[in-house]
Every structure is written in C-alpha cells, then in structure tokens.
Amino acid sequence: MEIFLKILLVVFSVGLIAVVLLQKGKSAGLSGAITGGAEHLFGKTKARGLDLFLQRLTVGLAVGFFVLALVVSYFVQQ
C-alpha cells in the first residue's frame, strides 16, 4: 500500500509540473507586471478554453498532491 501511494505521489508531482509548464505566462516584462496586475484584479482577462482547463487541472493536481503527501507521511511514520 505504501509503495502504491508513493508511486501515485510521484505521478501527481510530475503531472503538476507538466501542467504548470504548459500554461502561458500572465505578464510580459515590466509593463505587464504593472498593467497585468490591474487587469487581473478587475477581471478583464478571463481564462477560456485550454487556459481554463489547465487552471482547473492545476488546482486539482495540487490538492491531490498535498492530500497524498499527508497520507504518505502518515503511513511512513507507522
């Protein structure tokens, strides 16, 4: 059981890394850092299509990774 959970944790971590790297950047240089924050704050840029899917997949993989990390640490201690 412990080995299966560790393998699953590695799969979640590699998947999380891949999904984060597939997402495109939100800003472009210093001007993007200044104006990009305001656009994000007021909701002018909305994710659609693939960007929305990757964003939701990132959240799901991150939650799964943290839960699995806690479960694996519990099993390793015993």
N, C-alpha and C. Protein backbone atom coordinates (compact mmCIF):
# COMPACT_ATOMS: atom_id res chain seq x y z
N MET A 1 0.82 -1.20 0.00
CA MET A 1 0.00 0.00 0.00
C MET A 1 0.87 1.26 0.00
N GLU A 2 1.92 1.22 0.81
CA GLU A 2 2.81 2.38 0.91
C GLU A 2 3.51 2.65 -0.42
N ILE A 3 3.94 1.60 -1.10
CA ILE A 3 4.64 1.76 -2.38
C ILE A 3 3.68 2.33 -3.43
N PHE A 4 2.44 1.83 -3.44
CA PHE A 4 1.45 2.34 -4.38
C PHE A 4 1.19 3.83 -4.16
N LEU A 5 1.09 4.25 -2.91
CA LEU A 5 0.84 5.66 -2.62
C LEU A 5 2.03 6.52 -3.02
N LYS A 6 3.24 6.00 -2.83
CA LYS A 6 4.43 6.76 -3.24
C LYS A 6 4.50 6.91 -4.75
N ILE A 7 4.15 5.85 -5.48
CA ILE A 7 4.13 5.93 -6.94
C ILE A 7 3.07 6.93 -7.39
N LEU A 8 1.91 6.89 -6.76
CA LEU A 8 0.85 7.84 -7.08
C LEU A 8 1.27 9.28 -6.77
N LEU A 9 2.01 9.47 -5.71
CA LEU A 9 2.52 10.80 -5.36
C LEU A 9 3.49 11.30 -6.42
N VAL A 10 4.34 10.43 -6.93
CA VAL A 10 5.28 10.82 -7.99
C VAL A 10 4.51 11.16 -9.27
N VAL A 11 3.48 10.39 -9.59
CA VAL A 11 2.68 10.68 -10.78
C VAL A 11 2.00 12.03 -10.64
N PHE A 12 1.44 12.33 -9.48
CA PHE A 12 0.80 13.63 -9.26
C PHE A 12 1.81 14.77 -9.35
N SER A 13 3.01 14.56 -8.82
CA SER A 13 4.01 15.63 -8.86
C SER A 13 4.49 15.90 -10.28
N VAL A 14 4.73 14.85 -11.06
CA VAL A 14 5.15 15.03 -12.45
C VAL A 14 4.02 15.68 -13.25
N GLY A 15 2.79 15.25 -13.01
CA GLY A 15 1.65 15.86 -13.70
C GLY A 15 1.49 17.33 -13.35
N LEU A 16 1.69 17.67 -12.10
CA LEU A 16 1.58 19.06 -11.66
C LEU A 16 2.66 19.91 -12.32
N ILE A 17 3.87 19.40 -12.38
CA ILE A 17 4.97 20.13 -13.03
C ILE A 17 4.66 20.34 -14.51
N ALA A 18 4.18 19.30 -15.18
CA ALA A 18 3.88 19.39 -16.61
C ALA A 18 2.76 20.40 -16.88
N VAL A 19 1.72 20.38 -16.07
CA VAL A 19 0.59 21.29 -16.29
C VAL A 19 1.00 22.73 -16.05
N VAL A 20 1.82 22.97 -15.05
CA VAL A 20 2.28 24.33 -14.78
C VAL A 20 3.16 24.83 -15.92
N LEU A 21 4.00 23.96 -16.45
CA LEU A 21 4.85 24.39 -17.56
C LEU A 21 4.08 24.60 -18.86
N LEU A 22 2.94 23.96 -19.02
CA LEU A 22 2.13 24.14 -20.22
C LEU A 22 1.36 25.45 -20.23
N GLN A 23 1.17 26.05 -19.07
CA GLN A 23 0.42 27.30 -19.01
C GLN A 23 1.26 28.44 -19.54
N LYS A 24 0.60 29.39 -20.19
CA LYS A 24 1.34 30.53 -20.71
C LYS A 24 1.48 31.60 -19.63
N GLY A 25 2.48 32.45 -19.78
CA GLY A 25 2.75 33.49 -18.81
C GLY A 25 1.67 34.55 -18.78
N LYS A 26 1.47 35.16 -17.65
CA LYS A 26 0.42 36.17 -17.49
C LYS A 26 0.92 37.58 -17.78
N SER A 27 2.23 37.80 -17.75
CA SER A 27 2.74 39.15 -17.96
C SER A 27 3.93 39.10 -18.91
N ALA A 28 4.25 40.26 -19.47
CA ALA A 28 5.37 40.36 -20.39
C ALA A 28 6.25 41.53 -19.96
N GLY A 29 7.24 41.24 -19.15
CA GLY A 29 8.16 42.28 -18.73
C GLY A 29 7.60 43.20 -17.66
N LEU A 30 8.23 44.37 -17.54
CA LEU A 30 7.85 45.32 -16.51
C LEU A 30 6.47 45.93 -16.77
N SER A 31 6.17 46.23 -18.04
CA SER A 31 4.86 46.82 -18.33
C SER A 31 3.74 45.83 -18.05
N GLY A 32 3.99 44.55 -18.30
CA GLY A 32 2.99 43.53 -18.00
C GLY A 32 2.80 43.36 -16.50
N ALA A 33 3.87 43.57 -15.75
CA ALA A 33 3.76 43.44 -14.30
C ALA A 33 2.92 44.57 -13.71
N ILE A 34 3.02 45.75 -14.31
CA ILE A 34 2.25 46.89 -13.81
C ILE A 34 0.79 46.80 -14.25
N THR A 35 0.56 46.61 -15.54
CA THR A 35 -0.81 46.60 -16.04
C THR A 35 -1.47 45.24 -15.85
N GLY A 36 -0.69 44.19 -15.85
CA GLY A 36 -1.26 42.85 -15.71
C GLY A 36 -1.92 42.64 -14.37
N GLY A 37 -1.35 43.21 -13.33
CA GLY A 37 -1.95 43.09 -12.01
C GLY A 37 -3.30 43.78 -11.93
N ALA A 38 -3.41 44.95 -12.56
CA ALA A 38 -4.68 45.67 -12.55
C ALA A 38 -5.74 44.93 -13.35
N GLU A 39 -5.34 44.38 -14.50
CA GLU A 39 -6.30 43.63 -15.31
C GLU A 39 -6.77 42.38 -14.59
N HIS A 40 -5.86 41.74 -13.90
CA HIS A 40 -6.23 40.53 -13.16
C HIS A 40 -7.14 40.88 -11.98
N LEU A 41 -6.87 42.01 -11.35
CA LEU A 41 -7.66 42.42 -10.19
C LEU A 41 -9.09 42.76 -10.59
N PHE A 42 -9.25 43.45 -11.70
CA PHE A 42 -10.58 43.87 -12.11
C PHE A 42 -11.27 42.87 -13.04
N GLY A 43 -10.62 41.77 -13.34
CA GLY A 43 -11.25 40.70 -14.09
C GLY A 43 -11.38 40.94 -15.58
N LYS A 44 -10.49 41.74 -16.17
CA LYS A 44 -10.58 41.99 -17.61
C LYS A 44 -10.09 40.79 -18.42
N THR A 45 -9.21 40.00 -17.84
CA THR A 45 -8.71 38.83 -18.56
C THR A 45 -9.35 37.59 -17.94
N LYS A 46 -10.16 36.92 -18.72
CA LYS A 46 -10.82 35.71 -18.25
C LYS A 46 -10.27 34.53 -19.00
N ALA A 47 -10.02 33.47 -18.27
CA ALA A 47 -9.49 32.27 -18.90
C ALA A 47 -10.60 31.57 -19.67
N ARG A 48 -10.27 31.11 -20.87
CA ARG A 48 -11.24 30.39 -21.69
C ARG A 48 -10.55 29.20 -22.34
N GLY A 49 -11.32 28.19 -22.60
CA GLY A 49 -10.82 27.05 -23.35
C GLY A 49 -9.72 26.29 -22.62
N LEU A 50 -8.60 26.18 -23.31
CA LEU A 50 -7.48 25.41 -22.78
C LEU A 50 -6.90 26.03 -21.51
N ASP A 51 -6.84 27.35 -21.47
CA ASP A 51 -6.31 28.01 -20.27
C ASP A 51 -7.15 27.71 -19.04
N LEU A 52 -8.46 27.73 -19.19
CA LEU A 52 -9.34 27.42 -18.08
C LEU A 52 -9.18 25.97 -17.65
N PHE A 53 -9.09 25.06 -18.62
CA PHE A 53 -8.90 23.64 -18.31
C PHE A 53 -7.59 23.41 -17.57
N LEU A 54 -6.51 24.04 -18.04
CA LEU A 54 -5.21 23.87 -17.38
C LEU A 54 -5.21 24.47 -15.99
N GLN A 55 -5.93 25.57 -15.81
CA GLN A 55 -6.01 26.19 -14.49
C GLN A 55 -6.74 25.28 -13.50
N ARG A 56 -7.85 24.71 -13.94
CA ARG A 56 -8.61 23.81 -13.06
C ARG A 56 -7.85 22.51 -12.81
N LEU A 57 -7.15 22.01 -13.82
CA LEU A 57 -6.36 20.80 -13.65
C LEU A 57 -5.21 21.04 -12.67
N THR A 58 -4.63 22.23 -12.71
CA THR A 58 -3.56 22.58 -11.77
C THR A 58 -4.08 22.56 -10.34
N VAL A 59 -5.24 23.13 -10.13
CA VAL A 59 -5.82 23.15 -8.78
C VAL A 59 -6.11 21.73 -8.30
N GLY A 60 -6.69 20.92 -9.17
CA GLY A 60 -6.99 19.54 -8.81
C GLY A 60 -5.76 18.73 -8.49
N LEU A 61 -4.73 18.86 -9.32
CA LEU A 61 -3.49 18.13 -9.07
C LEU A 61 -2.79 18.62 -7.81
N ALA A 62 -2.85 19.92 -7.55
CA ALA A 62 -2.21 20.46 -6.34
C ALA A 62 -2.90 19.95 -5.09
N VAL A 63 -4.22 19.94 -5.09
CA VAL A 63 -4.96 19.43 -3.93
C VAL A 63 -4.66 17.95 -3.74
N GLY A 64 -4.68 17.20 -4.83
CA GLY A 64 -4.37 15.77 -4.75
C GLY A 64 -2.96 15.51 -4.25
N PHE A 65 -2.01 16.33 -4.70
CA PHE A 65 -0.62 16.18 -4.27
C PHE A 65 -0.49 16.41 -2.77
N PHE A 66 -1.11 17.46 -2.26
CA PHE A 66 -0.99 17.75 -0.83
C PHE A 66 -1.67 16.69 0.02
N VAL A 67 -2.83 16.22 -0.42
CA VAL A 67 -3.52 15.18 0.33
C VAL A 67 -2.70 13.89 0.33
N LEU A 68 -2.17 13.53 -0.84
CA LEU A 68 -1.34 12.32 -0.92
C LEU A 68 -0.07 12.47 -0.08
N ALA A 69 0.52 13.65 -0.07
CA ALA A 69 1.72 13.86 0.74
C ALA A 69 1.43 13.65 2.22
N LEU A 70 0.27 14.13 2.67
CA LEU A 70 -0.10 13.92 4.08
C LEU A 70 -0.37 12.44 4.37
N VAL A 71 -1.03 11.76 3.45
CA VAL A 71 -1.34 10.34 3.64
C VAL A 71 -0.06 9.50 3.64
N VAL A 72 0.85 9.79 2.72
CA VAL A 72 2.11 9.05 2.66
C VAL A 72 2.94 9.30 3.91
N SER A 73 2.96 10.53 4.38
CA SER A 73 3.74 10.80 5.61
C SER A 73 3.14 10.08 6.81
N TYR A 74 1.82 9.94 6.83
CA TYR A 74 1.17 9.20 7.92
C TYR A 74 1.56 7.73 7.87
N PHE A 75 1.56 7.12 6.69
CA PHE A 75 1.90 5.72 6.57
C PHE A 75 3.38 5.45 6.82
N VAL A 76 4.24 6.39 6.47
CA VAL A 76 5.68 6.21 6.68
C VAL A 76 6.01 6.25 8.16
N GLN A 77 5.29 7.07 8.94
CA GLN A 77 5.57 7.17 10.36
C GLN A 77 5.21 5.90 11.10
N GLN A 78 4.25 5.15 10.61
CA GLN A 78 3.81 3.95 11.33
C GLN A 78 4.62 2.79 10.95
